[in-house]
């Protein structure tokens, strides 16, 4: 469910012309809503990261219809 929401929400936001963002609380160790380990400069939760990036990619086509590249 979490991966679906994290992928679906960004796609729908971009279709509506909005730019999605993720609030990363940077709490280690996992499990938390933390995507990046800023201390190590790595992705700490690839599951969430993949879902957000997949959703953004799915919504990009519709977003570019609203805001075409110059």
C-alpha atoms as a PDB file:
ATOM      1  CA  UNK A   1       0.000   0.000   0.000  1.00  0.00           C
ATOM      2  CA  UNK A   2       2.768   2.433   0.928  1.00  0.00           C
ATOM      3  CA  UNK A   3       4.645   1.899  -2.343  1.00  0.00           C
ATOM      4  CA  UNK A   4       1.416   2.333  -4.321  1.00  0.00           C
ATOM      5  CA  UNK A   5       0.636   5.610  -2.557  1.00  0.00           C
ATOM      6  CA  UNK A   6       4.197   6.901  -2.899  1.00  0.00           C
ATOM      7  CA  UNK A   7       4.082   6.180  -6.633  1.00  0.00           C
ATOM      8  CA  UNK A   8       0.469   7.122  -7.299  1.00  0.00           C
ATOM      9  CA  UNK A   9       0.466  10.455  -5.455  1.00  0.00           C
ATOM     10  CA  UNK A  10       3.412  11.979  -7.387  1.00  0.00           C
ATOM     11  CA  UNK A  11       1.940  10.823 -10.708  1.00  0.00           C
ATOM     12  CA  UNK A  12      -1.442  12.398  -9.948  1.00  0.00           C
ATOM     13  CA  UNK A  13       0.157  15.599  -8.659  1.00  0.00           C
ATOM     14  CA  UNK A  14       2.173  16.009 -11.856  1.00  0.00           C
ATOM     15  CA  UNK A  15      -0.914  15.348 -13.988  1.00  0.00           C
ATOM     16  CA  UNK A  16      -2.502  18.301 -12.182  1.00  0.00           C
ATOM     17  CA  UNK A  17       0.533  20.505 -12.869  1.00  0.00           C
ATOM     18  CA  UNK A  18       1.983  20.282  -9.356  1.00  0.00           C
ATOM     19  CA  UNK A  19       5.538  19.400  -8.391  1.00  0.00           C
ATOM     20  CA  UNK A  20       5.642  16.606  -5.786  1.00  0.00           C
ATOM     21  CA  UNK A  21       8.122  16.628  -2.940  1.00  0.00           C
ATOM     22  CA  UNK A  22       8.904  14.276  -0.105  1.00  0.00           C
ATOM     23  CA  UNK A  23       9.358  15.357   3.492  1.00  0.00           C
ATOM     24  CA  UNK A  24      12.388  13.430   4.690  1.00  0.00           C
ATOM     25  CA  UNK A  25      12.846  13.470   8.477  1.00  0.00           C
ATOM     26  CA  UNK A  26      16.376  12.019   8.356  1.00  0.00           C
ATOM     27  CA  UNK A  27      15.998   9.720  11.366  1.00  0.00           C
ATOM     28  CA  UNK A  28      18.290   6.726  11.527  1.00  0.00           C
ATOM     29  CA  UNK A  29      18.127   3.778  11.957  1.00  0.00           C
ATOM     30  CA  UNK A  30      15.169   2.698   9.877  1.00  0.00           C
ATOM     31  CA  UNK A  31      12.191   2.082   9.855  1.00  0.00           C
ATOM     32  CA  UNK A  32      11.048   5.668   9.478  1.00  0.00           C
ATOM     33  CA  UNK A  33       9.881   7.914   6.655  1.00  0.00           C
ATOM     34  CA  UNK A  34      13.529   8.585   5.882  1.00  0.00           C
ATOM     35  CA  UNK A  35      14.718   8.287   2.304  1.00  0.00           C
ATOM     36  CA  UNK A  36      18.230   9.716   2.512  1.00  0.00           C
ATOM     37  CA  UNK A  37      21.031   9.138   4.969  1.00  0.00           C
ATOM     38  CA  UNK A  38      22.578  12.584   4.845  1.00  0.00           C
ATOM     39  CA  UNK A  39      25.559  11.599   6.951  1.00  0.00           C
ATOM     40  CA  UNK A  40      26.586   8.825   4.540  1.00  0.00           C
ATOM     41  CA  UNK A  41      25.158  10.674   1.489  1.00  0.00           C
ATOM     42  CA  UNK A  42      23.241   7.624   0.250  1.00  0.00           C
ATOM     43  CA  UNK A  43      19.650   6.549  -0.346  1.00  0.00           C
ATOM     44  CA  UNK A  44      18.695   4.710   2.831  1.00  0.00           C
ATOM     45  CA  UNK A  45      15.243   3.481   1.744  1.00  0.00           C
ATOM     46  CA  UNK A  46      15.314   2.500  -1.900  1.00  0.00           C
ATOM     47  CA  UNK A  47      11.731   1.180  -1.633  1.00  0.00           C
ATOM     48  CA  UNK A  48      10.276   4.644  -0.976  1.00  0.00           C
ATOM     49  CA  UNK A  49      12.731   6.354  -3.335  1.00  0.00           C
ATOM     50  CA  UNK A  50      11.822   4.001  -6.191  1.00  0.00           C
ATOM     51  CA  UNK A  51       8.099   4.573  -5.661  1.00  0.00           C
ATOM     52  CA  UNK A  52       8.402   8.358  -5.685  1.00  0.00           C
ATOM     53  CA  UNK A  53      10.637   8.364  -8.767  1.00  0.00           C
ATOM     54  CA  UNK A  54       8.368   5.909 -10.600  1.00  0.00           C
ATOM     55  CA  UNK A  55       5.303   8.031  -9.867  1.00  0.00           C
ATOM     56  CA  UNK A  56       7.069  11.198 -11.002  1.00  0.00           C
ATOM     57  CA  UNK A  57       8.122   9.510 -14.250  1.00  0.00           C
ATOM     58  CA  UNK A  58       4.556   8.329 -14.895  1.00  0.00           C
ATOM     59  CA  UNK A  59       3.182  11.822 -14.377  1.00  0.00           C
ATOM     60  CA  UNK A  60       5.844  13.597 -16.461  1.00  0.00           C
ATOM     61  CA  UNK A  61       4.064  13.166 -19.797  1.00  0.00           C
ATOM     62  CA  UNK A  62       0.903  14.869 -18.546  1.00  0.00           C
ATOM     63  CA  UNK A  63       2.949  17.528 -16.719  1.00  0.00           C
ATOM     64  CA  UNK A  64       4.760  18.423 -19.955  1.00  0.00           C
ATOM     65  CA  UNK A  65       1.397  18.886 -21.684  1.00  0.00           C
ATOM     66  CA  UNK A  66       0.580  21.569 -19.111  1.00  0.00           C
ATOM     67  CA  UNK A  67       4.074  23.073 -18.936  1.00  0.00           C
ATOM     68  CA  UNK A  68       5.969  22.234 -22.139  1.00  0.00           C
ATOM     69  CA  UNK A  69       9.730  22.600 -22.171  1.00  0.00           C
ATOM     70  CA  UNK A  70      10.839  25.964 -23.626  1.00  0.00           C
END
